C-alpha cells in the first residue's frame, strides 16, 4: 500500500516536469500539483453537503474548482505549461473561497470559508520566493478587507445550515487550510532537503576529486582567489622515477594488463609519498614525479624524499616477483634546491614545479642506471650521516656540464634517520 501511494505521488509530481527543468523547478511544480489534488479531494465534502441542503449555487463553486483542477492537470500533462497551471490554481484558490463565502452569507454563515485563501500567499512564497509572493499576499489581504466591508450586507441573507454543520465546516476550514498548506510546505521542505543533501554529496565528491589533482592548501586558495597562484620556494626536493623498459613492453602487453600494472605500481608509490607527507606532482606516461617542501615549507623533506626513493625500489622488486614481470625495474633521480610552484590551466588544473632543481632531478633520473637512485651533491650533503651513499665520479650532464654523481644505497642502520 505504501509503495502504491509513493508511486502515485511520484506520478503526480512528474506531471509538470520538463526535460530541461532544474531540480528546484521540478520540486516547485510537484508541491503545487500535490496540494491542488488534496484540496480538490476535500472539495467533495463541500459540494455534497451543500447539495444535500439545497444550496445549488454554493455547491457549484467547489465543484467548479474540481473541474478547473482536473482540466488544469490534463493540460499540464499534455503541454507541460506549468506557468499556466500555477497562475490558474492560485487565482482559483483565491477567488472561489471568497465567492463561496459571499454566496453563503458572510464569515459566520460560511464558517470562515475565506480561510482557504491564506493558502495562496504561502504557496506563492514557496513557488516564487519572497519578493514575488508579496503581490499575492497583498491580493489576499485586499480581498479579505473587501469581504469584511461587505459582511454586514451579505449576512442579511445567510444560508440556512444547521449549527452543527457550520461548526463542522469551521473546523474543516481551519484544519483543511492548515493541513493543505502544511502538506505542501512539508513536501517542499523535505524534497529540497533531499536535493541539498544530494548537492552536498556532490560537492564533497568534487572536493575529493579536486584534492586528487591539487594539494589541499592550493585547492583552498583556488576556491577563494581568482588570480594566478604561483610561489617561489627556497628549498624543495624533487624526485623523478622512470620505469625501465616499460615503453617497449607496452608494445606487446594487452591494454588492460598494461594499465592494471601501472595502476598497481603508481598506487604503491602514492602510498609511500603520502606516508612521508610528500606531494605527488604528476605522472607522465610511465614516469612519476614527487616533491617535498611544497606547497608548504617543512623540515626534513630531503630525507623524506630519500626514504620514499628507497621504498619505491623495494616496491618495484616486490611487484616484479608477484606479477612474474622480471623485467620490471626503476631509475630514480633526486635534486634539492629552489623552485617555482603554481597552478596552470583554467578547465583542467595542474599543480607543477619549474626551475633548475626540477630539470636537474630529471637529468639524474635519465642519466642513471636501472635500479639506481642517483642524486646531486646538494642532496648528498643534505642527507648527512643517516644514509649510505657513494660517489661514481664526474659525469657530463646535459645543460649542466660535468657533475659529480652520487648513488643512494640505503639508510645507515646505526644512525637514527632525520
Protein backbone atom coordinates (compact mmCIF):
# COMPACT_ATOMS: atom_id res chain seq x y z
CA UNK A 1 0.00 0.00 0.00
CA UNK A 2 2.79 2.38 0.93
CA UNK A 3 4.56 1.72 -2.36
CA UNK A 4 1.36 2.38 -4.30
CA UNK A 5 0.88 5.71 -2.55
CA UNK A 6 4.51 6.66 -3.15
CA UNK A 7 4.15 5.65 -6.80
CA UNK A 8 1.01 7.76 -7.19
CA UNK A 9 2.72 10.75 -5.58
CA UNK A 10 5.72 10.32 -7.88
CA UNK A 11 3.50 10.22 -10.99
CA UNK A 12 1.56 13.30 -9.91
CA UNK A 13 4.77 15.19 -9.10
CA UNK A 14 6.15 14.43 -12.56
CA UNK A 15 3.13 15.86 -14.41
CA UNK A 16 4.61 19.31 -14.91
CA UNK A 17 8.23 18.26 -15.26
CA UNK A 18 10.07 19.09 -18.47
CA UNK A 19 13.42 17.59 -19.57
CA UNK A 20 15.22 20.92 -19.19
CA UNK A 21 13.81 21.80 -15.77
CA UNK A 22 16.15 22.11 -12.82
CA UNK A 23 15.63 20.08 -9.66
CA UNK A 24 14.26 23.15 -7.92
CA UNK A 25 11.74 23.83 -10.70
CA UNK A 26 10.55 20.22 -10.61
CA UNK A 27 10.19 20.46 -6.85
CA UNK A 28 8.06 23.62 -7.00
CA UNK A 29 5.80 22.10 -9.64
CA UNK A 30 5.39 18.88 -7.66
CA UNK A 31 4.47 20.74 -4.47
CA UNK A 32 1.66 22.71 -6.13
CA UNK A 33 0.31 19.69 -8.03
CA UNK A 34 0.06 17.63 -4.85
CA UNK A 35 -1.57 20.48 -2.92
CA UNK A 36 -4.10 21.07 -5.72
CA UNK A 37 -5.11 17.42 -5.78
CA UNK A 38 -5.51 17.37 -2.00
CA UNK A 39 -7.76 20.45 -1.99
CA UNK A 40 -9.81 19.06 -4.88
CA UNK A 41 -10.45 15.91 -2.84
CA UNK A 42 -11.54 17.94 0.20
CA UNK A 43 -13.87 19.94 -2.05
CA UNK A 44 -16.01 16.85 -2.45
CA UNK A 45 -17.21 17.36 1.15
CA UNK A 46 -18.40 20.90 0.44
CA UNK A 47 -20.08 20.00 -2.84
CA UNK A 48 -22.00 17.04 -1.45
CA UNK A 49 -23.02 18.86 1.76
CA UNK A 50 -24.33 21.99 0.04
CA UNK A 51 -26.21 19.84 -2.49
CA UNK A 52 -27.79 17.90 0.36
CA UNK A 53 -29.11 21.13 1.92
CA UNK A 54 -30.32 22.51 -1.41
CA UNK A 55 -27.74 25.28 -1.85
CA UNK A 56 -27.03 24.61 -5.53
CA UNK A 57 -25.16 27.85 -6.19
CA UNK A 58 -22.83 27.26 -3.26
CA UNK A 59 -22.31 23.60 -4.27
CA UNK A 60 -21.35 24.68 -7.80
CA UNK A 61 -18.35 26.74 -6.58
CA UNK A 62 -16.24 23.89 -5.08
CA UNK A 63 -17.39 21.74 -8.00
CA UNK A 64 -16.01 24.41 -10.32
CA UNK A 65 -12.67 24.22 -8.51
CA UNK A 66 -12.57 20.46 -9.03
CA UNK A 67 -13.27 20.89 -12.76
CA UNK A 68 -10.61 23.62 -13.07
CA UNK A 69 -8.07 21.44 -11.27
CA UNK A 70 -8.77 18.31 -13.32
CA UNK A 71 -8.70 20.29 -16.58
CA UNK A 72 -5.50 22.02 -15.49
CA UNK A 73 -3.81 18.71 -14.68
CA UNK A 74 -4.78 17.26 -18.07
CA UNK A 75 -3.43 20.31 -19.89
CA UNK A 76 -0.32 20.27 -17.74
CA UNK A 77 0.37 16.64 -18.62
CA UNK A 78 -0.02 17.41 -22.33
CA UNK A 79 1.61 20.83 -22.65
CA UNK A 80 3.99 20.96 -19.67
CA UNK A 81 2.91 24.60 -19.24
CA UNK A 82 3.38 24.81 -15.51
CA UNK A 83 3.26 28.60 -15.57
CA UNK A 84 -0.34 28.45 -16.85
CA UNK A 85 -1.35 25.80 -14.31
CA UNK A 86 0.31 27.74 -11.48
CA UNK A 87 -1.45 31.03 -12.29
CA UNK A 88 -4.83 29.35 -12.79
CA UNK A 89 -4.59 27.50 -9.49
CA UNK A 90 -3.53 30.49 -7.44
CA UNK A 91 -6.27 32.72 -8.87
CA UNK A 92 -8.89 30.00 -8.41
CA UNK A 93 -7.79 29.26 -4.84
CA UNK A 94 -8.03 32.95 -4.01
CA UNK A 95 -11.28 33.92 -5.76
CA UNK A 96 -13.51 30.86 -5.29
CA UNK A 97 -13.38 30.77 -1.44
CA UNK A 98 -14.37 34.47 -1.48
CA UNK A 99 -17.30 33.76 -3.83
CA UNK A 100 -18.37 30.76 -1.76
CA UNK A 101 -18.28 32.82 1.42
CA UNK A 102 -20.36 35.55 -0.24
CA UNK A 103 -22.90 33.00 -1.51
CA UNK A 104 -23.33 31.55 1.99
CA UNK A 105 -23.86 34.90 3.71
CA UNK A 106 -20.55 36.12 5.13
CA UNK A 107 -17.95 34.96 7.63
CA UNK A 108 -20.23 33.34 10.21
CA UNK A 109 -22.65 31.56 7.87
CA UNK A 110 -19.78 30.23 5.71
CA UNK A 111 -17.72 29.14 8.74
CA UNK A 112 -14.88 31.41 7.65
CA UNK A 113 -14.57 29.87 4.18
CA UNK A 114 -12.07 32.53 3.13
CA UNK A 115 -9.54 30.93 5.48
CA UNK A 116 -8.64 28.81 2.46
CA UNK A 117 -7.34 31.95 0.76
CA UNK A 118 -4.36 32.06 3.10
CA UNK A 119 -3.03 29.07 1.20
CA UNK A 120 -2.34 31.34 -1.79
CA UNK A 121 0.37 33.64 -0.37
CA UNK A 122 2.00 30.65 1.34
CA UNK A 123 2.04 28.72 -1.93
CA UNK A 124 3.34 31.79 -3.76
CA UNK A 125 6.15 32.07 -1.21
CA UNK A 126 7.27 28.52 -1.98
CA UNK A 127 6.79 28.92 -5.74
CA UNK A 128 8.16 32.42 -6.36
CA UNK A 129 10.21 33.44 -3.36
CA UNK A 130 9.67 36.38 -1.01
CA UNK A 131 9.65 39.31 -3.45
CA UNK A 132 7.11 38.00 -5.99
CA UNK A 133 4.90 36.42 -3.34
CA UNK A 134 4.18 39.87 -1.87
CA UNK A 135 1.75 40.55 -4.74
CA UNK A 136 -0.30 37.50 -3.80
CA UNK A 137 -0.19 38.42 -0.12
CA UNK A 138 -1.48 41.89 -0.98
CA UNK A 139 -4.26 40.34 -3.11
CA UNK A 140 -5.30 38.07 -0.23
CA UNK A 141 -5.36 40.93 2.29
CA UNK A 142 -7.21 43.19 -0.13
CA UNK A 143 -9.89 40.60 -0.83
CA UNK A 144 -10.18 39.91 2.91
CA UNK A 145 -10.77 43.62 3.51
CA UNK A 146 -13.48 43.72 0.83
CA UNK A 147 -15.25 40.74 2.40
CA UNK A 148 -15.04 42.38 5.82
CA UNK A 149 -16.64 45.58 4.47
CA UNK A 150 -19.39 43.63 2.68
CA UNK A 151 -20.03 41.20 5.52
CA UNK A 152 -22.94 43.18 7.08
CA UNK A 153 -24.72 43.20 3.70
CA UNK A 154 -24.02 39.51 2.98
CA UNK A 155 -25.19 38.49 6.47
CA UNK A 156 -28.76 39.70 5.75
CA UNK A 157 -29.49 36.50 3.83
CA UNK A 158 -27.33 33.73 5.40
CA UNK A 159 -27.50 30.14 4.21
CA UNK A 160 -29.89 28.02 6.23
CA UNK A 161 -27.43 25.49 7.62
CA UNK A 162 -27.70 23.69 10.98
CA UNK A 163 -25.38 24.96 13.67
CA UNK A 164 -23.62 21.59 13.82
CA UNK A 165 -22.85 21.84 10.10
CA UNK A 166 -21.46 25.36 10.47
CA UNK A 167 -19.25 24.28 13.37
CA UNK A 168 -18.12 21.23 11.41
CA UNK A 169 -17.22 23.35 8.40
CA UNK A 170 -15.43 25.87 10.59
CA UNK A 171 -13.25 23.09 11.96
CA UNK A 172 -12.84 21.66 8.45
CA UNK A 173 -11.82 25.04 7.05
CA UNK A 174 -9.27 25.68 9.78
CA UNK A 175 -7.87 22.15 9.73
CA UNK A 176 -8.12 21.75 5.95
CA UNK A 177 -6.41 25.01 5.09
CA UNK A 178 -3.73 24.40 7.69
CA UNK A 179 -3.07 20.79 6.70
CA UNK A 180 -3.07 21.56 2.96
CA UNK A 181 -0.60 24.43 3.39
CA UNK A 182 1.48 22.36 5.79
CA UNK A 183 1.48 19.35 3.47
CA UNK A 184 2.63 21.44 0.54
CA UNK A 185 5.34 23.21 2.52
CA UNK A 186 6.39 19.98 4.25
CA UNK A 187 6.75 18.21 0.90
CA UNK A 188 8.61 21.21 -0.48
CA UNK A 189 10.97 21.42 2.51
CA UNK A 190 11.56 17.67 2.63
CA UNK A 191 12.32 17.37 -1.07
CA UNK A 192 14.50 20.46 -1.02
CA UNK A 193 16.41 18.99 1.93
CA UNK A 194 16.97 15.84 -0.13
CA UNK A 195 18.20 17.94 -3.04
CA UNK A 196 20.53 19.83 -0.73
CA UNK A 197 21.88 16.56 0.68
CA UNK A 198 22.49 15.31 -2.85
CA UNK A 199 24.21 18.58 -3.72
CA UNK A 200 26.31 18.34 -0.57
CA UNK A 201 27.37 14.81 -1.50
CA UNK A 202 28.21 16.04 -4.99
CA UNK A 203 30.16 18.94 -3.52
CA UNK A 204 32.12 16.56 -1.29
CA UNK A 205 32.79 14.32 -4.28
CA UNK A 206 34.01 17.31 -6.30
CA UNK A 207 36.15 18.36 -3.33
CA UNK A 208 37.75 14.92 -3.20
CA UNK A 209 38.38 14.99 -6.94
CA UNK A 210 39.93 18.45 -6.66
CA UNK A 211 42.20 17.25 -3.84
CA UNK A 212 43.28 14.36 -6.08
CA UNK A 213 44.54 16.96 -8.54
CA UNK A 214 45.76 19.76 -6.28
CA UNK A 215 47.32 19.97 -2.80
CA UNK A 216 44.82 20.92 -0.11
CA UNK A 217 46.27 24.41 0.59
CA UNK A 218 46.31 25.18 -3.13
CA UNK A 219 42.75 23.89 -3.61
CA UNK A 220 41.56 26.14 -0.77
CA UNK A 221 43.26 29.16 -2.33
CA UNK A 222 41.88 28.33 -5.76
CA UNK A 223 38.32 28.42 -4.40
CA UNK A 224 38.81 31.86 -2.86
CA UNK A 225 41.22 33.55 -5.29
CA UNK A 226 40.76 34.42 -8.95
CA UNK A 227 44.31 35.42 -9.87
CA UNK A 228 47.38 33.39 -10.76
CA UNK A 229 48.61 31.09 -7.99
CA UNK A 230 52.42 30.98 -8.06
CA UNK A 231 55.06 30.80 -5.32
CA UNK A 232 58.82 30.71 -5.11
CA UNK A 233 60.23 28.11 -2.72
CA UNK A 234 63.81 28.39 -1.49
CA UNK A 235 64.16 24.74 -0.58
CA UNK A 236 62.34 21.81 -2.16
CA UNK A 237 63.31 18.26 -3.02
CA UNK A 238 62.23 16.74 -6.34
CA UNK A 239 62.19 13.06 -7.28
CA UNK A 240 61.69 11.59 -10.74
CA UNK A 241 61.15 7.85 -11.18
CA UNK A 242 61.01 6.13 -14.55
CA UNK A 243 60.07 2.51 -15.26
CA UNK A 244 62.88 0.90 -17.22
CA UNK A 245 61.87 -0.76 -20.48
CA UNK A 246 58.18 -0.05 -20.00
CA UNK A 247 57.73 1.65 -23.38
CA UNK A 248 59.00 -1.41 -25.24
CA UNK A 249 57.00 -3.80 -23.05
CA UNK A 250 53.84 -1.80 -23.68
CA UNK A 251 54.01 -2.76 -27.35
CA UNK A 252 53.27 -6.41 -26.56
CA UNK A 253 51.11 -6.16 -23.42
CA UNK A 254 47.32 -6.18 -23.54
CA UNK A 255 45.93 -2.71 -22.76
CA UNK A 256 44.09 -3.96 -19.68
CA UNK A 257 47.23 -5.62 -18.32
CA UNK A 258 49.33 -2.56 -19.06
CA UNK A 259 47.01 -0.16 -17.25
CA UNK A 260 46.49 -2.57 -14.34
CA UNK A 261 50.25 -2.90 -13.85
CA UNK A 262 50.81 0.86 -13.99
CA UNK A 263 47.97 1.38 -11.54
CA UNK A 264 49.46 -1.10 -9.11
CA UNK A 265 52.91 0.47 -9.28
CA UNK A 266 51.79 4.08 -9.01
CA UNK A 267 49.33 3.26 -6.24
CA UNK A 268 52.22 1.82 -4.25
CA UNK A 269 54.25 4.97 -4.97
CA UNK A 270 51.30 7.14 -3.86
CA UNK A 271 51.11 5.28 -0.58
CA UNK A 272 54.82 5.85 0.05
CA UNK A 273 54.55 9.57 -0.76
CA UNK A 274 51.50 10.03 1.48
CA UNK A 275 53.18 8.21 4.35
CA UNK A 276 56.10 10.66 4.23
CA UNK A 277 53.93 13.75 3.77
CA UNK A 278 55.20 14.43 0.26
CA UNK A 279 53.25 15.86 -2.67
CA UNK A 280 52.72 13.81 -5.80
CA UNK A 281 53.08 16.28 -8.66
CA UNK A 282 52.19 14.22 -11.73
CA UNK A 283 52.72 11.12 -13.82
CA UNK A 284 53.92 11.38 -17.40
CA UNK A 285 53.44 8.08 -19.18
CA UNK A 286 55.47 5.66 -17.08
CA UNK A 287 57.32 8.42 -15.20
CA UNK A 288 56.42 9.57 -11.70
CA UNK A 289 57.23 12.91 -10.04
CA UNK A 290 57.02 13.69 -6.34
CA UNK A 291 58.26 16.65 -4.29
CA UNK A 292 58.89 17.59 -0.67
CA UNK A 293 58.75 21.07 0.84
CA UNK A 294 55.76 22.15 -1.28
CA UNK A 295 53.22 23.65 -1.20
CA UNK A 296 54.22 24.44 2.38
CA UNK A 297 57.76 24.59 3.67
CA UNK A 298 58.85 21.82 6.03
CA UNK A 299 62.00 20.44 7.62
CA UNK A 300 63.46 17.10 6.62
CA UNK A 301 62.00 16.99 3.12
CA UNK A 302 65.29 15.78 1.60
CA UNK A 303 65.40 12.81 3.97
CA UNK A 304 61.70 12.09 3.37
CA UNK A 305 62.24 12.01 -0.41
CA UNK A 306 65.26 9.72 0.03
CA UNK A 307 63.22 7.27 2.13
CA UNK A 308 60.47 7.27 -0.49
CA UNK A 309 63.03 6.57 -3.23
CA UNK A 310 64.39 3.55 -1.35
CA UNK A 311 60.83 2.32 -0.68
CA UNK A 312 59.94 2.70 -4.36
CA UNK A 313 62.84 0.48 -5.32
CA UNK A 314 61.71 -2.15 -2.83
CA UNK A 315 58.13 -1.95 -4.14
CA UNK A 316 59.29 -2.47 -7.70
CA UNK A 317 61.25 -5.57 -6.70
CA UNK A 318 58.25 -7.00 -4.85
CA UNK A 319 55.81 -6.29 -7.68
CA UNK A 320 58.19 -7.85 -10.21
CA UNK A 321 58.23 -11.08 -8.20
CA UNK A 322 54.48 -11.10 -7.50
CA UNK A 323 53.47 -10.45 -11.13
CA UNK A 324 56.18 -12.50 -12.78
CA UNK A 325 57.28 -9.42 -14.73
CA UNK A 326 61.01 -9.93 -14.10
CA UNK A 327 61.94 -7.09 -16.44
CA UNK A 328 60.46 -4.50 -14.08
CA UNK A 329 62.97 -2.01 -12.74
CA UNK A 330 63.15 1.68 -11.96
CA UNK A 331 65.56 4.58 -12.38
CA UNK A 332 65.30 7.38 -9.82
CA UNK A 333 66.83 10.85 -9.72
CA UNK A 334 66.73 13.42 -6.91
CA UNK A 335 67.81 17.03 -6.51
CA UNK A 336 67.13 19.68 -3.92
CA UNK A 337 67.11 23.46 -4.13
CA UNK A 338 64.89 26.38 -5.10
CA UNK A 339 61.89 26.07 -7.42
CA UNK A 340 58.78 27.89 -8.55
CA UNK A 341 55.42 26.19 -7.98
CA UNK A 342 51.99 27.15 -9.24
CA UNK A 343 48.72 26.21 -10.87
CA UNK A 344 48.24 26.29 -14.63
CA UNK A 345 45.09 25.76 -16.66
CA UNK A 346 41.52 27.01 -16.37
CA UNK A 347 39.37 24.00 -17.22
CA UNK A 348 41.81 21.27 -16.16
CA UNK A 349 44.01 22.40 -13.30
CA UNK A 350 47.57 21.23 -12.84
CA UNK A 351 49.92 21.96 -9.95
CA UNK A 352 53.51 21.86 -11.20
CA UNK A 353 57.08 22.86 -10.40
CA UNK A 354 59.64 24.64 -12.55
CA UNK A 355 63.29 25.57 -12.24
CA UNK A 356 66.81 24.22 -12.28
CA UNK A 357 66.14 21.85 -9.39
CA UNK A 358 63.36 20.16 -11.36
CA UNK A 359 65.46 19.90 -14.52
CA UNK A 360 68.46 18.53 -12.64
CA UNK A 361 66.38 15.87 -10.84
CA UNK A 362 65.07 14.79 -14.24
CA UNK A 363 68.63 14.57 -15.59
CA UNK A 364 69.70 12.48 -12.58
CA UNK A 365 66.97 10.01 -13.47
CA UNK A 366 67.59 9.91 -17.21
CA UNK A 367 71.39 9.51 -16.79
CA UNK A 368 71.02 6.77 -14.19
CA UNK A 369 71.19 3.04 -14.48
CA UNK A 370 68.34 0.60 -13.73
CA UNK A 371 67.86 0.04 -10.02
CA UNK A 372 69.93 3.06 -9.03
CA UNK A 373 68.94 6.20 -7.17
CA UNK A 374 71.16 8.99 -8.47
CA UNK A 375 71.37 12.22 -6.51
CA UNK A 376 73.23 15.50 -6.79
CA UNK A 377 75.97 16.74 -4.45
CA UNK A 378 73.39 19.04 -2.85
CA UNK A 379 71.25 16.05 -1.92
CA UNK A 380 74.24 14.05 -0.68
CA UNK A 381 75.31 16.92 1.57
CA UNK A 382 71.79 17.47 2.91
CA UNK A 383 71.21 13.80 3.73
CA UNK A 384 74.15 13.69 6.13
CA UNK A 385 75.25 10.60 8.01
CA UNK A 386 71.85 8.93 8.19
CA UNK A 387 72.12 7.48 4.67
CA UNK A 388 74.61 5.38 2.77
CA UNK A 389 75.84 6.95 -0.49
CA UNK A 390 78.81 6.53 -2.77
CA UNK A 391 80.21 8.74 -5.49
CA UNK A 392 80.53 7.50 -9.07
CA UNK A 393 82.68 10.44 -10.08
CA UNK A 394 82.08 13.19 -12.58
CA UNK A 395 79.60 12.75 -15.42
CA UNK A 396 78.60 15.02 -18.26
CA UNK A 397 75.02 16.08 -17.66
CA UNK A 398 73.05 17.79 -20.41
CA UNK A 399 72.69 21.50 -19.69
CA UNK A 400 74.88 21.24 -16.57
CA UNK A 401 78.31 20.15 -17.73
CA UNK A 402 80.47 17.91 -15.51
CA UNK A 403 78.60 16.99 -12.30
CA UNK A 404 79.65 14.65 -9.53
CA UNK A 405 77.08 11.91 -9.23
CA UNK A 406 76.16 10.15 -6.00
CA UNK A 407 74.18 6.94 -5.68
CA UNK A 408 71.88 6.42 -2.69
CA UNK A 409 72.32 2.88 -1.40
CA UNK A 410 70.26 2.82 1.76
CA UNK A 411 69.71 4.00 5.31
CA UNK A 412 72.55 3.67 7.80
CA UNK A 413 71.42 1.16 10.39
CA UNK A 414 73.37 2.62 13.29
CA UNK A 415 72.06 6.18 12.81
CA UNK A 416 68.51 7.34 13.52
CA UNK A 417 67.05 8.85 10.30
CA UNK A 418 66.14 12.55 10.35
